[in-house]
Amino acid sequence: MADCVESVEILLVEDNPDDAELTRRALQKHHFINMVTWVKDGEEALAYLYGTEKFPDRPDRPPRLILLDFKLPKLDGIEVLRRIKSDENLKHIPVVMLTSSNEERDLVDAYRLGVNSYIVKPVEFEEFVKTVSGIGFYWVLTNRVPDC
């Protein structure tokens, strides 16, 4: 089980560098930062998950958590979610949609496809830090997953 703890990783899929940095800082505040990989669009997210293109040396184990923005270039978050949840090797990974979209249609689509949680990004920095830290604590430390 020690290998599982060491392999804990968060895949952050976020096209906005400012939001990505805020998320990383929020996770760093609670010592999650060494476990975060940031990709900037939907195509990079899938390349990372499948270990293709510029990610052939990624860890053998999939991330323990995916923080996924809804509106992404190249391949949007809903399509990334669809592909993750339809893949037998990936569908067990918790996906938290962390987005600025507060549209009911987006929320319904995400849950229809199997998102584990849908969180609208708080605007205030302290609230954002609190929210992201809570996500990390719950999905990485509190939530139980089957043995690796």
C-alpha atoms as a PDB file:
ATOM      1  CA  MET A   1       0.000   0.000   0.000  1.00  0.00           C
ATOM      2  CA  ALA A   2       2.971   2.347   0.435  1.00  0.00           C
ATOM      3  CA  ASP A   3       3.340   2.481  -3.350  1.00  0.00           C
ATOM      4  CA  CYS A   4      -0.256   3.671  -3.620  1.00  0.00           C
ATOM      5  CA  VAL A   5       0.363   6.575  -1.245  1.00  0.00           C
ATOM      6  CA  GLU A   6       3.506   7.574  -3.129  1.00  0.00           C
ATOM      7  CA  SER A   7       1.615   7.459  -6.431  1.00  0.00           C
ATOM      8  CA  VAL A   8      -1.116   9.862  -5.321  1.00  0.00           C
ATOM      9  CA  GLU A   9      -1.375  12.457  -8.048  1.00  0.00           C
ATOM     10  CA  ILE A  10      -3.772  15.148  -9.181  1.00  0.00           C
ATOM     11  CA  LEU A  11      -4.189  15.905 -12.865  1.00  0.00           C
ATOM     12  CA  LEU A  12      -5.191  19.554 -13.265  1.00  0.00           C
ATOM     13  CA  VAL A  13      -6.776  20.283 -16.641  1.00  0.00           C
ATOM     14  CA  GLU A  14      -7.014  24.067 -16.889  1.00  0.00           C
ATOM     15  CA  ASP A  15      -6.393  26.403 -19.834  1.00  0.00           C
ATOM     16  CA  ASN A  16      -6.199  29.617 -17.824  1.00  0.00           C
ATOM     17  CA  PRO A  17      -2.664  30.005 -16.392  1.00  0.00           C
ATOM     18  CA  ASP A  18      -3.914  32.315 -13.614  1.00  0.00           C
ATOM     19  CA  ASP A  19      -6.555  29.806 -12.471  1.00  0.00           C
ATOM     20  CA  ALA A  20      -4.011  26.985 -12.717  1.00  0.00           C
ATOM     21  CA  GLU A  21      -1.553  28.931 -10.570  1.00  0.00           C
ATOM     22  CA  LEU A  22      -4.256  29.740  -7.997  1.00  0.00           C
ATOM     23  CA  THR A  23      -5.217  26.069  -7.864  1.00  0.00           C
ATOM     24  CA  ARG A  24      -1.598  24.995  -7.480  1.00  0.00           C
ATOM     25  CA  ARG A  25      -1.055  27.572  -4.721  1.00  0.00           C
ATOM     26  CA  ALA A  26      -4.173  26.407  -2.905  1.00  0.00           C
ATOM     27  CA  LEU A  27      -2.962  22.802  -3.075  1.00  0.00           C
ATOM     28  CA  GLN A  28       0.576  23.849  -2.086  1.00  0.00           C
ATOM     29  CA  LYS A  29      -0.781  25.488   1.047  1.00  0.00           C
ATOM     30  CA  HIS A  30      -1.734  21.988   2.212  1.00  0.00           C
ATOM     31  CA  HIS A  31       1.254  20.132   0.752  1.00  0.00           C
ATOM     32  CA  PHE A  32      -0.453  18.627  -2.313  1.00  0.00           C
ATOM     33  CA  ILE A  33       1.746  20.515  -4.779  1.00  0.00           C
ATOM     34  CA  ASN A  34       4.291  17.734  -5.393  1.00  0.00           C
ATOM     35  CA  MET A  35       1.451  15.580  -6.640  1.00  0.00           C
ATOM     36  CA  VAL A  36      -0.015  17.921  -9.290  1.00  0.00           C
ATOM     37  CA  THR A  37       0.455  17.687 -13.046  1.00  0.00           C
ATOM     38  CA  TRP A  38      -0.968  20.593 -15.037  1.00  0.00           C
ATOM     39  CA  VAL A  39      -2.118  20.269 -18.649  1.00  0.00           C
ATOM     40  CA  LYS A  40      -3.598  23.140 -20.651  1.00  0.00           C
ATOM     41  CA  ASP A  41      -6.273  21.578 -22.866  1.00  0.00           C
ATOM     42  CA  GLY A  42      -8.435  18.517 -23.424  1.00  0.00           C
ATOM     43  CA  GLU A  43      -6.103  16.896 -25.936  1.00  0.00           C
ATOM     44  CA  GLU A  44      -3.167  17.169 -23.512  1.00  0.00           C
ATOM     45  CA  ALA A  45      -5.326  15.650 -20.766  1.00  0.00           C
ATOM     46  CA  LEU A  46      -6.071  12.558 -22.845  1.00  0.00           C
ATOM     47  CA  ALA A  47      -2.456  12.327 -24.043  1.00  0.00           C
ATOM     48  CA  TYR A  48      -1.364  12.361 -20.404  1.00  0.00           C
ATOM     49  CA  LEU A  49      -3.917   9.761 -19.321  1.00  0.00           C
ATOM     50  CA  TYR A  50      -2.920   7.413 -22.153  1.00  0.00           C
ATOM     51  CA  GLY A  51       0.814   8.144 -21.894  1.00  0.00           C
ATOM     52  CA  THR A  52       1.090   9.278 -25.515  1.00  0.00           C
ATOM     53  CA  GLU A  53       2.678  12.203 -27.354  1.00  0.00           C
ATOM     54  CA  LYS A  54       4.730  14.259 -24.916  1.00  0.00           C
ATOM     55  CA  PHE A  55       3.836  12.077 -21.900  1.00  0.00           C
ATOM     56  CA  PRO A  56       5.412   8.672 -22.632  1.00  0.00           C
ATOM     57  CA  ASP A  57       7.266   8.786 -19.295  1.00  0.00           C
ATOM     58  CA  ARG A  58       4.350   9.635 -17.055  1.00  0.00           C
ATOM     59  CA  PRO A  59       3.851   7.421 -13.967  1.00  0.00           C
ATOM     60  CA  ASP A  60       2.448   3.948 -14.657  1.00  0.00           C
ATOM     61  CA  ARG A  61      -0.478   4.525 -12.326  1.00  0.00           C
ATOM     62  CA  PRO A  62      -3.274   6.884 -13.337  1.00  0.00           C
ATOM     63  CA  PRO A  63      -3.884   9.999 -11.222  1.00  0.00           C
ATOM     64  CA  ARG A  64      -5.998   9.608  -8.099  1.00  0.00           C
ATOM     65  CA  LEU A  65      -8.018  12.718  -8.977  1.00  0.00           C
ATOM     66  CA  ILE A  66      -8.723  14.807 -12.063  1.00  0.00           C
ATOM     67  CA  LEU A  67      -9.632  18.476 -11.662  1.00  0.00           C
ATOM     68  CA  LEU A  68     -11.250  19.314 -14.987  1.00  0.00           C
ATOM     69  CA  ASP A  69     -12.279  22.697 -16.368  1.00  0.00           C
ATOM     70  CA  PHE A  70     -15.429  22.704 -18.484  1.00  0.00           C
ATOM     71  CA  LYS A  71     -14.438  25.138 -21.208  1.00  0.00           C
ATOM     72  CA  LEU A  72     -11.129  24.062 -22.748  1.00  0.00           C
ATOM     73  CA  PRO A  73      -9.465  24.598 -26.121  1.00  0.00           C
ATOM     74  CA  LYS A  74      -9.029  21.776 -28.665  1.00  0.00           C
ATOM     75  CA  LEU A  75     -11.265  19.331 -26.786  1.00  0.00           C
ATOM     76  CA  ASP A  76     -13.747  20.640 -24.217  1.00  0.00           C
ATOM     77  CA  GLY A  77     -14.115  19.314 -20.687  1.00  0.00           C
ATOM     78  CA  ILE A  78     -17.376  17.517 -21.384  1.00  0.00           C
ATOM     79  CA  GLU A  79     -15.758  15.483 -24.179  1.00  0.00           C
ATOM     80  CA  VAL A  80     -12.766  14.683 -21.956  1.00  0.00           C
ATOM     81  CA  LEU A  81     -15.183  13.564 -19.239  1.00  0.00           C
ATOM     82  CA  ARG A  82     -17.133  11.440 -21.746  1.00  0.00           C
ATOM     83  CA  ARG A  83     -13.955   9.651 -22.832  1.00  0.00           C
ATOM     84  CA  ILE A  84     -12.692   9.105 -19.296  1.00  0.00           C
ATOM     85  CA  LYS A  85     -15.973   7.672 -18.037  1.00  0.00           C
ATOM     86  CA  SER A  86     -16.403   5.406 -21.069  1.00  0.00           C
ATOM     87  CA  ASP A  87     -12.933   3.857 -20.692  1.00  0.00           C
ATOM     88  CA  GLU A  88     -12.772   0.763 -18.468  1.00  0.00           C
ATOM     89  CA  ASN A  89      -9.221   1.656 -17.393  1.00  0.00           C
ATOM     90  CA  LEU A  90     -10.011   5.260 -16.458  1.00  0.00           C
ATOM     91  CA  LYS A  91     -13.646   5.435 -15.358  1.00  0.00           C
ATOM     92  CA  HIS A  92     -12.802   4.708 -11.711  1.00  0.00           C
ATOM     93  CA  ILE A  93     -10.775   7.938 -11.410  1.00  0.00           C
ATOM     94  CA  PRO A  94     -12.771  10.626  -9.581  1.00  0.00           C
ATOM     95  CA  VAL A  95     -13.336  13.650 -11.801  1.00  0.00           C
ATOM     96  CA  VAL A  96     -14.185  16.976 -10.220  1.00  0.00           C
ATOM     97  CA  MET A  97     -15.404  19.603 -12.648  1.00  0.00           C
ATOM     98  CA  LEU A  98     -13.862  22.832 -11.344  1.00  0.00           C
ATOM     99  CA  THR A  99     -15.278  25.519 -13.582  1.00  0.00           C
ATOM    100  CA  SER A 100     -16.582  29.042 -13.868  1.00  0.00           C
ATOM    101  CA  SER A 101     -19.686  27.759 -15.681  1.00  0.00           C
ATOM    102  CA  ASN A 102     -22.791  28.079 -13.562  1.00  0.00           C
ATOM    103  CA  GLU A 103     -25.108  27.016 -16.384  1.00  0.00           C
ATOM    104  CA  GLU A 104     -27.670  24.370 -15.434  1.00  0.00           C
ATOM    105  CA  ARG A 105     -27.229  22.610 -18.805  1.00  0.00           C
ATOM    106  CA  ASP A 106     -23.480  22.165 -18.151  1.00  0.00           C
ATOM    107  CA  LEU A 107     -24.167  20.796 -14.683  1.00  0.00           C
ATOM    108  CA  VAL A 108     -26.755  18.310 -15.997  1.00  0.00           C
ATOM    109  CA  ASP A 109     -24.491  17.192 -18.857  1.00  0.00           C
ATOM    110  CA  ALA A 110     -21.573  16.642 -16.505  1.00  0.00           C
ATOM    111  CA  TYR A 111     -23.585  14.501 -14.076  1.00  0.00           C
ATOM    112  CA  ARG A 112     -25.213  12.589 -16.932  1.00  0.00           C
ATOM    113  CA  LEU A 113     -21.719  11.577 -18.046  1.00  0.00           C
ATOM    114  CA  GLY A 114     -20.598  10.528 -14.560  1.00  0.00           C
ATOM    115  CA  VAL A 115     -18.750  13.478 -13.048  1.00  0.00           C
ATOM    116  CA  ASN A 116     -18.093  12.874  -9.354  1.00  0.00           C
ATOM    117  CA  SER A 117     -18.509  16.497  -8.315  1.00  0.00           C
ATOM    118  CA  TYR A 118     -19.278  19.831  -9.995  1.00  0.00           C
ATOM    119  CA  ILE A 119     -17.869  22.929  -8.333  1.00  0.00           C
ATOM    120  CA  VAL A 120     -18.181  26.497  -9.555  1.00  0.00           C
ATOM    121  CA  LYS A 121     -14.927  28.357  -8.906  1.00  0.00           C
ATOM    122  CA  PRO A 122     -15.334  30.946  -6.162  1.00  0.00           C
ATOM    123  CA  VAL A 123     -14.288  34.451  -7.179  1.00  0.00           C
ATOM    124  CA  GLU A 124     -12.712  35.480  -3.861  1.00  0.00           C
ATOM    125  CA  PHE A 125      -9.157  34.187  -3.387  1.00  0.00           C
ATOM    126  CA  GLU A 126      -9.580  32.937   0.198  1.00  0.00           C
ATOM    127  CA  GLU A 127     -12.792  31.121  -0.680  1.00  0.00           C
ATOM    128  CA  PHE A 128     -11.087  29.631  -3.746  1.00  0.00           C
ATOM    129  CA  VAL A 129      -8.171  28.382  -1.601  1.00  0.00           C
ATOM    130  CA  LYS A 130     -10.583  26.903   0.924  1.00  0.00           C
ATOM    131  CA  THR A 131     -12.619  25.172  -1.791  1.00  0.00           C
ATOM    132  CA  VAL A 132      -9.628  23.700  -3.642  1.00  0.00           C
ATOM    133  CA  SER A 133      -7.982  22.578  -0.398  1.00  0.00           C
ATOM    134  CA  GLY A 134     -11.218  20.874   0.611  1.00  0.00           C
ATOM    135  CA  ILE A 135     -11.344  19.079  -2.731  1.00  0.00           C
ATOM    136  CA  GLY A 136      -7.795  17.824  -2.231  1.00  0.00           C
ATOM    137  CA  PHE A 137      -8.403  16.668   1.328  1.00  0.00           C
ATOM    138  CA  TYR A 138     -11.600  14.836   0.497  1.00  0.00           C
ATOM    139  CA  TRP A 139     -10.715  13.145  -2.801  1.00  0.00           C
ATOM    140  CA  VAL A 140      -7.059  12.386  -2.065  1.00  0.00           C
ATOM    141  CA  LEU A 141      -6.929  11.794   1.686  1.00  0.00           C
ATOM    142  CA  THR A 142     -10.442  11.034   2.957  1.00  0.00           C
ATOM    143  CA  ASN A 143     -12.074   9.172   0.077  1.00  0.00           C
ATOM    144  CA  ARG A 144     -11.311   5.432   0.040  1.00  0.00           C
ATOM    145  CA  VAL A 145     -10.381   3.676  -3.166  1.00  0.00           C
ATOM    146  CA  PRO A 146      -9.694   0.004  -3.858  1.00  0.00           C
ATOM    147  CA  ASP A 147      -6.132  -1.206  -3.328  1.00  0.00           C
ATOM    148  CA  CYS A 148      -3.830  -0.440  -6.227  1.00  0.00           C
END
